[in-house]
Amino acid sequence: MAAQKKKRKRDIEKNYPVKQFVKKLRRLADCIEQGQKFQIQVAGERISIPATAIINIEHERSGSVEELEFQLRWSLEKSSSSHKVKK
């Protein structure tokens, strides 16, 4: 078995036009519903999210700003699940 290439740390936020965001969200929902992995490219890097990823929703409030994040978490190890994709 080949060793996995070590991935660099990243913390990227990418803004999308509404139509593009909706298209990505629909593809994600379809994959989740069908129990399939989801692939997306963010800021030039292709990311593959396993069907076993943990899904949660996070809400934050600070002063006059609120934030809602749809999160998918998975482990970079082959067998389990933890990473973050913001929607």
Protein backbone atom coordinates (compact mmCIF):
# COMPACT_ATOMS: atom_id res chain seq x y z
CA MET A 1 0.00 0.00 0.00
CA ALA A 2 1.44 3.43 -0.96
CA ALA A 3 1.88 6.09 1.71
CA GLN A 4 -0.56 8.97 1.52
CA LYS A 5 0.92 12.32 0.49
CA LYS A 6 0.87 14.77 3.43
CA LYS A 7 -1.59 17.58 2.82
CA ARG A 8 -0.84 21.21 3.69
CA LYS A 9 -3.05 23.08 6.15
CA ARG A 10 -5.73 25.22 4.51
CA ASP A 11 -8.46 27.57 5.63
CA ILE A 12 -10.17 28.94 2.52
CA GLU A 13 -13.42 30.80 2.12
CA LYS A 14 -14.68 31.10 -1.43
CA ASN A 15 -17.62 33.24 -2.51
CA TYR A 16 -19.81 32.01 -5.39
CA PRO A 17 -22.61 33.57 -7.42
CA VAL A 18 -26.02 32.26 -6.32
CA LYS A 19 -26.59 30.02 -9.38
CA GLN A 20 -23.17 28.38 -9.02
CA PHE A 21 -23.67 27.85 -5.26
CA VAL A 22 -27.10 26.30 -5.80
CA LYS A 23 -25.70 23.94 -8.46
CA LYS A 24 -22.94 22.76 -6.05
CA LEU A 25 -25.41 22.41 -3.18
CA ARG A 26 -27.75 20.29 -5.35
CA ARG A 27 -24.88 17.99 -6.38
CA LEU A 28 -23.90 17.66 -2.70
CA ALA A 29 -27.49 16.88 -1.65
CA ASP A 30 -27.80 14.26 -4.39
CA CYS A 31 -24.57 12.54 -3.30
CA ILE A 32 -25.59 12.56 0.37
CA GLU A 33 -29.04 11.18 -0.48
CA GLN A 34 -27.55 8.42 -2.68
CA GLY A 35 -24.79 7.52 -0.19
CA GLN A 36 -22.04 8.47 -2.65
CA LYS A 37 -18.80 10.40 -2.24
CA PHE A 38 -18.86 14.06 -3.27
CA GLN A 39 -16.10 15.77 -5.23
CA ILE A 40 -15.61 19.52 -5.48
CA GLN A 41 -12.81 21.85 -6.51
CA VAL A 42 -12.17 24.80 -4.19
CA ALA A 43 -9.53 27.42 -5.01
CA GLY A 44 -7.74 25.05 -7.38
CA GLU A 45 -7.70 21.96 -5.16
CA ARG A 46 -9.92 18.94 -5.82
CA ILE A 47 -11.49 17.60 -2.65
CA SER A 48 -13.15 14.21 -2.32
CA ILE A 49 -15.61 13.84 0.55
CA PRO A 50 -16.47 10.24 1.48
CA ALA A 51 -20.09 9.15 1.85
CA THR A 52 -19.27 8.40 5.51
CA ALA A 53 -18.46 12.05 6.32
CA ILE A 54 -20.11 13.48 9.43
CA ILE A 55 -22.64 16.21 8.58
CA ASN A 56 -23.54 19.07 10.90
CA ILE A 57 -24.79 22.65 10.86
CA GLU A 58 -23.09 25.36 12.88
CA HIS A 59 -24.56 28.77 13.78
CA GLU A 60 -22.43 31.58 15.16
CA ARG A 61 -23.39 35.06 16.34
CA SER A 62 -20.99 37.85 17.24
CA GLY A 63 -22.24 41.39 17.68
CA SER A 64 -24.15 42.35 14.53
CA VAL A 65 -22.84 39.42 12.42
CA GLU A 66 -24.31 35.93 12.13
CA GLU A 67 -22.90 32.94 10.29
CA LEU A 68 -24.39 29.60 9.28
CA GLU A 69 -22.08 26.81 8.15
CA PHE A 70 -23.04 23.49 6.62
CA GLN A 71 -20.11 21.26 7.55
CA LEU A 72 -18.83 17.90 6.37
CA ARG A 73 -16.07 16.32 8.46
CA TRP A 74 -13.94 13.28 7.74
CA SER A 75 -10.57 11.86 8.59
CA LEU A 76 -7.79 11.92 6.04
CA GLU A 77 -7.12 8.33 7.09
CA LYS A 78 -8.77 5.87 4.77
CA SER A 79 -11.05 4.18 7.31
CA SER A 80 -12.92 6.89 9.23
CA SER A 81 -14.50 10.39 9.05
CA SER A 82 -13.18 14.70 9.76
CA HIS A 83 -12.65 17.88 7.51
CA LYS A 84 -14.58 21.06 7.01
CA VAL A 85 -16.30 22.41 3.93
CA LYS A 86 -18.16 25.66 4.31
CA LYS A 87 -21.33 26.33 2.40
